[in-house]
Amino acid sequence: MVLIAAGKFKAKCLQLLDEVASTRESVVVTKFGKPVAQVVPMPLTDRLRGALKGTVLFESDIVSSLENDWESAQ
């Protein structure tokens, strides 16, 4: 586990995220020497792929007007 001050983390955030992904080692962010956050690598599973499959509805025509007459259209 790597400790890094919040200011240094801010300056090197993208680089540190790449390192966490490649080394699979956590990074602990500190403020005034006290841990405040931890960056951990994502699990190596494919659980996220297709996670939303079947949850989106398809409507063929969402542009044409409704059959109802609205009070505001009168």
PDB file of N, CA and C in Angstrom:
ATOM      1  N   MET A   1       0.839  -1.174   0.000  1.00  0.00           N
ATOM      2  CA  MET A   1       0.000   0.000   0.000  1.00  0.00           C
ATOM      3  C   MET A   1       0.888   1.242   0.000  1.00  0.00           C
ATOM      4  N   VAL A   2       0.557   2.182  -0.859  1.00  0.00           N
ATOM      5  CA  VAL A   2       1.328   3.414  -1.013  1.00  0.00           C
ATOM      6  C   VAL A   2       0.578   4.559  -0.337  1.00  0.00           C
ATOM      7  N   LEU A   3       1.286   5.362   0.454  1.00  0.00           N
ATOM      8  CA  LEU A   3       0.714   6.563   1.072  1.00  0.00           C
ATOM      9  C   LEU A   3       1.133   7.769   0.263  1.00  0.00           C
ATOM     10  N   ILE A   4       0.181   8.681   0.019  1.00  0.00           N
ATOM     11  CA  ILE A   4       0.501   9.894  -0.736  1.00  0.00           C
ATOM     12  C   ILE A   4      -0.339  11.048  -0.185  1.00  0.00           C
ATOM     13  N   ALA A   5       0.291  12.209  -0.086  1.00  0.00           N
ATOM     14  CA  ALA A   5      -0.408  13.400   0.391  1.00  0.00           C
ATOM     15  C   ALA A   5      -1.433  13.851  -0.640  1.00  0.00           C
ATOM     16  N   ALA A   6      -2.503  14.455  -0.175  1.00  0.00           N
ATOM     17  CA  ALA A   6      -3.603  14.869  -1.056  1.00  0.00           C
ATOM     18  C   ALA A   6      -3.128  15.818  -2.152  1.00  0.00           C
ATOM     19  N   GLY A   7      -2.238  16.724  -1.836  1.00  0.00           N
ATOM     20  CA  GLY A   7      -1.734  17.665  -2.836  1.00  0.00           C
ATOM     21  C   GLY A   7      -0.982  16.957  -3.953  1.00  0.00           C
ATOM     22  N   LYS A   8      -0.139  15.985  -3.593  1.00  0.00           N
ATOM     23  CA  LYS A   8       0.588  15.218  -4.607  1.00  0.00           C
ATOM     24  C   LYS A   8      -0.373  14.341  -5.401  1.00  0.00           C
ATOM     25  N   PHE A   9      -1.384  13.786  -4.719  1.00  0.00           N
ATOM     26  CA  PHE A   9      -2.375  12.969  -5.422  1.00  0.00           C
ATOM     27  C   PHE A   9      -3.105  13.808  -6.466  1.00  0.00           C
ATOM     28  N   LYS A  10      -3.462  15.029  -6.098  1.00  0.00           N
ATOM     29  CA  LYS A  10      -4.157  15.918  -7.021  1.00  0.00           C
ATOM     30  C   LYS A  10      -3.312  16.191  -8.263  1.00  0.00           C
ATOM     31  N   ALA A  11      -2.025  16.389  -8.060  1.00  0.00           N
ATOM     32  CA  ALA A  11      -1.140  16.703  -9.174  1.00  0.00           C
ATOM     33  C   ALA A  11      -0.875  15.491 -10.070  1.00  0.00           C
ATOM     34  N   LYS A  12      -0.915  14.298  -9.506  1.00  0.00           N
ATOM     35  CA  LYS A  12      -0.555  13.089 -10.253  1.00  0.00           C
ATOM     36  C   LYS A  12      -1.711  12.091 -10.348  1.00  0.00           C
ATOM     37  N   CYS A  13      -2.920  12.543 -10.212  1.00  0.00           N
ATOM     38  CA  CYS A  13      -4.089  11.660 -10.126  1.00  0.00           C
ATOM     39  C   CYS A  13      -4.169  10.654 -11.271  1.00  0.00           C
ATOM     40  N   LEU A  14      -4.131  11.107 -12.507  1.00  0.00           N
ATOM     41  CA  LEU A  14      -4.287  10.203 -13.643  1.00  0.00           C
ATOM     42  C   LEU A  14      -3.149   9.186 -13.716  1.00  0.00           C
ATOM     43  N   GLN A  15      -1.942   9.634 -13.439  1.00  0.00           N
ATOM     44  CA  GLN A  15      -0.795   8.727 -13.431  1.00  0.00           C
ATOM     45  C   GLN A  15      -0.960   7.669 -12.337  1.00  0.00           C
ATOM     46  N   LEU A  16      -1.402   8.085 -11.147  1.00  0.00           N
ATOM     47  CA  LEU A  16      -1.602   7.142 -10.052  1.00  0.00           C
ATOM     48  C   LEU A  16      -2.711   6.141 -10.353  1.00  0.00           C
ATOM     49  N   LEU A  17      -3.762   6.586 -11.015  1.00  0.00           N
ATOM     50  CA  LEU A  17      -4.836   5.658 -11.386  1.00  0.00           C
ATOM     51  C   LEU A  17      -4.319   4.590 -12.343  1.00  0.00           C
ATOM     52  N   ASP A  18      -3.475   4.995 -13.286  1.00  0.00           N
ATOM     53  CA  ASP A  18      -2.877   4.019 -14.200  1.00  0.00           C
ATOM     54  C   ASP A  18      -1.988   3.039 -13.449  1.00  0.00           C
ATOM     55  N   GLU A  19      -1.227   3.528 -12.472  1.00  0.00           N
ATOM     56  CA  GLU A  19      -0.359   2.664 -11.687  1.00  0.00           C
ATOM     57  C   GLU A  19      -1.166   1.666 -10.854  1.00  0.00           C
ATOM     58  N   VAL A  20      -2.256   2.127 -10.257  1.00  0.00           N
ATOM     59  CA  VAL A  20      -3.106   1.233  -9.473  1.00  0.00           C
ATOM     60  C   VAL A  20      -3.674   0.134 -10.372  1.00  0.00           C
ATOM     61  N   ALA A  21      -4.085   0.505 -11.562  1.00  0.00           N
ATOM     62  CA  ALA A  21      -4.638  -0.479 -12.495  1.00  0.00           C
ATOM     63  C   ALA A  21      -3.591  -1.492 -12.932  1.00  0.00           C
ATOM     64  N   SER A  22      -2.367  -1.040 -13.157  1.00  0.00           N
ATOM     65  CA  SER A  22      -1.343  -1.961 -13.671  1.00  0.00           C
ATOM     66  C   SER A  22      -0.669  -2.776 -12.571  1.00  0.00           C
ATOM     67  N   THR A  23      -0.406  -2.163 -11.403  1.00  0.00           N
ATOM     68  CA  THR A  23       0.298  -2.887 -10.335  1.00  0.00           C
ATOM     69  C   THR A  23      -0.657  -3.609  -9.396  1.00  0.00           C
ATOM     70  N   ARG A  24      -1.957  -3.249  -9.448  1.00  0.00           N
ATOM     71  CA  ARG A  24      -2.975  -3.822  -8.558  1.00  0.00           C
ATOM     72  C   ARG A  24      -2.686  -3.514  -7.096  1.00  0.00           C
ATOM     73  N   GLU A  25      -1.950  -2.416  -6.814  1.00  0.00           N
ATOM     74  CA  GLU A  25      -1.602  -2.014  -5.462  1.00  0.00           C
ATOM     75  C   GLU A  25      -2.418  -0.778  -5.076  1.00  0.00           C
ATOM     76  N   SER A  26      -2.945  -0.775  -3.870  1.00  0.00           N
ATOM     77  CA  SER A  26      -3.772   0.330  -3.378  1.00  0.00           C
ATOM     78  C   SER A  26      -2.940   1.567  -3.080  1.00  0.00           C
ATOM     79  N   VAL A  27      -3.605   2.728  -3.155  1.00  0.00           N
ATOM     80  CA  VAL A  27      -2.990   4.006  -2.792  1.00  0.00           C
ATOM     81  C   VAL A  27      -3.875   4.651  -1.733  1.00  0.00           C
ATOM     82  N   VAL A  28      -3.262   5.056  -0.625  1.00  0.00           N
ATOM     83  CA  VAL A  28      -3.989   5.740   0.440  1.00  0.00           C
ATOM     84  C   VAL A  28      -3.645   7.218   0.373  1.00  0.00           C
ATOM     85  N   VAL A  29      -4.670   8.057   0.296  1.00  0.00           N
ATOM     86  CA  VAL A  29      -4.495   9.507   0.218  1.00  0.00           C
ATOM     87  C   VAL A  29      -4.613  10.067   1.630  1.00  0.00           C
ATOM     88  N   THR A  30      -3.652  10.910   2.008  1.00  0.00           N
ATOM     89  CA  THR A  30      -3.643  11.473   3.357  1.00  0.00           C
ATOM     90  C   THR A  30      -3.777  12.987   3.323  1.00  0.00           C
ATOM     91  N   LYS A  31      -4.343  13.523   4.393  1.00  0.00           N
ATOM     92  CA  LYS A  31      -4.385  14.970   4.627  1.00  0.00           C
ATOM     93  C   LYS A  31      -3.820  15.198   6.020  1.00  0.00           C
ATOM     94  N   PHE A  32      -2.791  15.998   6.087  1.00  0.00           N
ATOM     95  CA  PHE A  32      -2.115  16.269   7.352  1.00  0.00           C
ATOM     96  C   PHE A  32      -1.681  14.973   8.043  1.00  0.00           C
ATOM     97  N   GLY A  33      -1.261  13.987   7.238  1.00  0.00           N
ATOM     98  CA  GLY A  33      -0.750  12.728   7.772  1.00  0.00           C
ATOM     99  C   GLY A  33      -1.797  11.702   8.151  1.00  0.00           C
ATOM    100  N   LYS A  34      -3.076  12.056   8.013  1.00  0.00           N
ATOM    101  CA  LYS A  34      -4.141  11.121   8.372  1.00  0.00           C
ATOM    102  C   LYS A  34      -4.817  10.598   7.104  1.00  0.00           C
ATOM    103  N   PRO A  35      -5.048   9.293   7.012  1.00  0.00           N
ATOM    104  CA  PRO A  35      -5.687   8.735   5.820  1.00  0.00           C
ATOM    105  C   PRO A  35      -7.123   9.242   5.663  1.00  0.00           C
ATOM    106  N   VAL A  36      -7.470   9.667   4.442  1.00  0.00           N
ATOM    107  CA  VAL A  36      -8.825  10.159   4.171  1.00  0.00           C
ATOM    108  C   VAL A  36      -9.510   9.401   3.035  1.00  0.00           C
ATOM    109  N   ALA A  37      -8.729   8.747   2.194  1.00  0.00           N
ATOM    110  CA  ALA A  37      -9.314   8.018   1.073  1.00  0.00           C
ATOM    111  C   ALA A  37      -8.365   6.918   0.632  1.00  0.00           C
ATOM    112  N   GLN A  38      -8.944   5.914  -0.028  1.00  0.00           N
ATOM    113  CA  GLN A  38      -8.133   4.820  -0.545  1.00  0.00           C
ATOM    114  C   GLN A  38      -8.565   4.537  -1.981  1.00  0.00           C
ATOM    115  N   VAL A  39      -7.593   4.443  -2.872  1.00  0.00           N
ATOM    116  CA  VAL A  39      -7.860   4.085  -4.266  1.00  0.00           C
ATOM    117  C   VAL A  39      -7.452   2.626  -4.422  1.00  0.00           C
ATOM    118  N   VAL A  40      -8.422   1.792  -4.792  1.00  0.00           N
ATOM    119  CA  VAL A  40      -8.157   0.361  -4.930  1.00  0.00           C
ATOM    120  C   VAL A  40      -8.451  -0.068  -6.361  1.00  0.00           C
ATOM    121  N   PRO A  41      -7.776  -1.099  -6.848  1.00  0.00           N
ATOM    122  CA  PRO A  41      -8.041  -1.560  -8.210  1.00  0.00           C
ATOM    123  C   PRO A  41      -9.404  -2.245  -8.302  1.00  0.00           C
ATOM    124  N   MET A  42     -10.005  -2.153  -9.467  1.00  0.00           N
ATOM    125  CA  MET A  42     -11.267  -2.852  -9.717  1.00  0.00           C
ATOM    126  C   MET A  42     -10.999  -4.349  -9.769  1.00  0.00           C
ATOM    127  N   PRO A  43     -11.979  -5.154  -9.382  1.00  0.00           N
ATOM    128  CA  PRO A  43     -11.813  -6.607  -9.504  1.00  0.00           C
ATOM    129  C   PRO A  43     -11.594  -6.993 -10.969  1.00  0.00           C
ATOM    130  N   LEU A  44     -10.886  -8.066 -11.195  1.00  0.00           N
ATOM    131  CA  LEU A  44     -10.547  -8.488 -12.543  1.00  0.00           C
ATOM    132  C   LEU A  44     -11.642  -9.311 -13.208  1.00  0.00           C
ATOM    133  N   THR A  45     -12.869  -9.161 -12.784  1.00  0.00           N
ATOM    134  CA  THR A  45     -13.965  -9.921 -13.377  1.00  0.00           C
ATOM    135  C   THR A  45     -14.641  -9.098 -14.466  1.00  0.00           C
ATOM    136  N   ASP A  46     -15.439  -9.759 -15.249  1.00  0.00           N
ATOM    137  CA  ASP A  46     -16.178  -9.107 -16.329  1.00  0.00           C
ATOM    138  C   ASP A  46     -17.625  -8.841 -15.917  1.00  0.00           C
ATOM    139  N   ARG A  47     -17.871  -8.660 -14.634  1.00  0.00           N
ATOM    140  CA  ARG A  47     -19.241  -8.496 -14.147  1.00  0.00           C
ATOM    141  C   ARG A  47     -19.912  -7.243 -14.689  1.00  0.00           C
ATOM    142  N   LEU A  48     -19.153  -6.209 -15.010  1.00  0.00           N
ATOM    143  CA  LEU A  48     -19.754  -4.970 -15.477  1.00  0.00           C
ATOM    144  C   LEU A  48     -20.229  -5.064 -16.920  1.00  0.00           C
ATOM    145  N   ARG A  49     -19.588  -5.926 -17.694  1.00  0.00           N
ATOM    146  CA  ARG A  49     -19.963  -6.061 -19.096  1.00  0.00           C
ATOM    147  C   ARG A  49     -21.370  -6.649 -19.177  1.00  0.00           C
ATOM    148  N   GLY A  50     -22.276  -5.948 -19.818  1.00  0.00           N
ATOM    149  CA  GLY A  50     -23.641  -6.422 -19.984  1.00  0.00           C
ATOM    150  C   GLY A  50     -24.513  -6.258 -18.749  1.00  0.00           C
ATOM    151  N   ALA A  51     -24.053  -5.504 -17.762  1.00  0.00           N
ATOM    152  CA  ALA A  51     -24.807  -5.349 -16.517  1.00  0.00           C
ATOM    153  C   ALA A  51     -26.162  -4.683 -16.748  1.00  0.00           C
ATOM    154  N   LEU A  52     -26.285  -3.833 -17.757  1.00  0.00           N
ATOM    155  CA  LEU A  52     -27.548  -3.138 -18.025  1.00  0.00           C
ATOM    156  C   LEU A  52     -28.376  -3.809 -19.117  1.00  0.00           C
ATOM    157  N   LYS A  53     -27.929  -4.945 -19.594  1.00  0.00           N
ATOM    158  CA  LYS A  53     -28.642  -5.639 -20.669  1.00  0.00           C
ATOM    159  C   LYS A  53     -30.066  -5.958 -20.220  1.00  0.00           C
ATOM    160  N   GLY A  54     -31.023  -5.601 -21.076  1.00  0.00           N
ATOM    161  CA  GLY A  54     -32.423  -5.869 -20.782  1.00  0.00           C
ATOM    162  C   GLY A  54     -33.095  -4.842 -19.897  1.00  0.00           C
ATOM    163  N   THR A  55     -32.403  -3.774 -19.537  1.00  0.00           N
ATOM    164  CA  THR A  55     -33.000  -2.771 -18.655  1.00  0.00           C
ATOM    165  C   THR A  55     -33.480  -1.530 -19.393  1.00  0.00           C
ATOM    166  N   VAL A  56     -33.206  -1.434 -20.683  1.00  0.00           N
ATOM    167  CA  VAL A  56     -33.604  -0.264 -21.465  1.00  0.00           C
ATOM    168  C   VAL A  56     -34.818  -0.626 -22.307  1.00  0.00           C
ATOM    169  N   LEU A  57     -35.831   0.237 -22.263  1.00  0.00           N
ATOM    170  CA  LEU A  57     -37.039   0.016 -23.054  1.00  0.00           C
ATOM    171  C   LEU A  57     -36.920   0.738 -24.380  1.00  0.00           C
ATOM    172  N   PHE A  58     -37.467   0.153 -25.408  1.00  0.00           N
ATOM    173  CA  PHE A  58     -37.442   0.760 -26.736  1.00  0.00           C
ATOM    174  C   PHE A  58     -38.850   1.199 -27.097  1.00  0.00           C
ATOM    175  N   GLU A  59     -39.007   2.445 -27.437  1.00  0.00           N
ATOM    176  CA  GLU A  59     -40.276   2.981 -27.914  1.00  0.00           C
ATOM    177  C   GLU A  59     -40.069   3.386 -29.361  1.00  0.00           C
ATOM    178  N   SER A  60     -40.931   2.913 -30.237  1.00  0.00           N
ATOM    179  CA  SER A  60     -40.708   3.139 -31.660  1.00  0.00           C
ATOM    180  C   SER A  60     -40.893   4.598 -32.073  1.00  0.00           C
ATOM    181  N   ASP A  61     -41.890   5.296 -31.525  1.00  0.00           N
ATOM    182  CA  ASP A  61     -42.158   6.661 -31.964  1.00  0.00           C
ATOM    183  C   ASP A  61     -42.368   7.553 -30.745  1.00  0.00           C
ATOM    184  N   ILE A  62     -41.390   8.383 -30.454  1.00  0.00           N
ATOM    185  CA  ILE A  62     -41.520   9.271 -29.298  1.00  0.00           C
ATOM    186  C   ILE A  62     -41.709  10.724 -29.725  1.00  0.00           C
ATOM    187  N   VAL A  63     -41.855  10.976 -31.047  1.00  0.00           N
ATOM    188  CA  VAL A  63     -41.934  12.343 -31.538  1.00  0.00           C
ATOM    189  C   VAL A  63     -43.363  12.763 -31.870  1.00  0.00           C
ATOM    190  N   SER A  64     -44.147  11.884 -32.443  1.00  0.00           N
ATOM    191  CA  SER A  64     -45.491  12.281 -32.868  1.00  0.00           C
ATOM    192  C   SER A  64     -46.369  12.576 -31.662  1.00  0.00           C
ATOM    193  N   SER A  65     -47.418  13.358 -31.904  1.00  0.00           N
ATOM    194  CA  SER A  65     -48.273  13.797 -30.810  1.00  0.00           C
ATOM    195  C   SER A  65     -49.117  12.645 -30.270  1.00  0.00           C
ATOM    196  N   LEU A  66     -49.571  12.838 -29.059  1.00  0.00           N
ATOM    197  CA  LEU A  66     -50.410  11.841 -28.409  1.00  0.00           C
ATOM    198  C   LEU A  66     -51.837  11.948 -28.919  1.00  0.00           C
ATOM    199  N   GLU A  67     -52.598  10.912 -28.692  1.00  0.00           N
ATOM    200  CA  GLU A  67     -53.994  10.914 -29.110  1.00  0.00           C
ATOM    201  C   GLU A  67     -54.857  11.724 -28.159  1.00  0.00           C
ATOM    202  N   ASN A  68     -54.346  12.021 -26.984  1.00  0.00           N
ATOM    203  CA  ASN A  68     -55.108  12.769 -25.984  1.00  0.00           C
ATOM    204  C   ASN A  68     -55.049  14.261 -26.286  1.00  0.00           C
ATOM    205  N   ASP A  69     -56.142  14.949 -26.009  1.00  0.00           N
ATOM    206  CA  ASP A  69     -56.156  16.407 -26.091  1.00  0.00           C
ATOM    207  C   ASP A  69     -55.815  16.958 -24.716  1.00  0.00           C
ATOM    208  N   TRP A  70     -54.769  17.764 -24.652  1.00  0.00           N
ATOM    209  CA  TRP A  70     -54.353  18.334 -23.385  1.00  0.00           C
ATOM    210  C   TRP A  70     -55.052  19.684 -23.182  1.00  0.00           C
ATOM    211  N   GLU A  71     -55.340  19.966 -21.965  1.00  0.00           N
ATOM    212  CA  GLU A  71     -56.016  21.200 -21.619  1.00  0.00           C
ATOM    213  C   GLU A  71     -55.189  22.411 -22.038  1.00  0.00           C
ATOM    214  N   SER A  72     -53.888  22.339 -21.955  1.00  0.00           N
ATOM    215  CA  SER A  72     -53.043  23.468 -22.302  1.00  0.00           C
ATOM    216  C   SER A  72     -53.001  23.717 -23.802  1.00  0.00           C
ATOM    217  N   ALA A  73     -53.394  22.727 -24.641  1.00  0.00           N
ATOM    218  CA  ALA A  73     -53.370  22.897 -26.091  1.00  0.00           C
ATOM    219  C   ALA A  73     -54.628  23.557 -26.612  1.00  0.00           C
ATOM    220  N   GLN A  74     -55.600  23.822 -25.776  1.00  0.00           N
ATOM    221  CA  GLN A  74     -56.863  24.409 -26.230  1.00  0.00           C
ATOM    222  C   GLN A  74     -56.831  25.908 -26.230  1.00  0.00           C
TER     223      GLN A  74
END
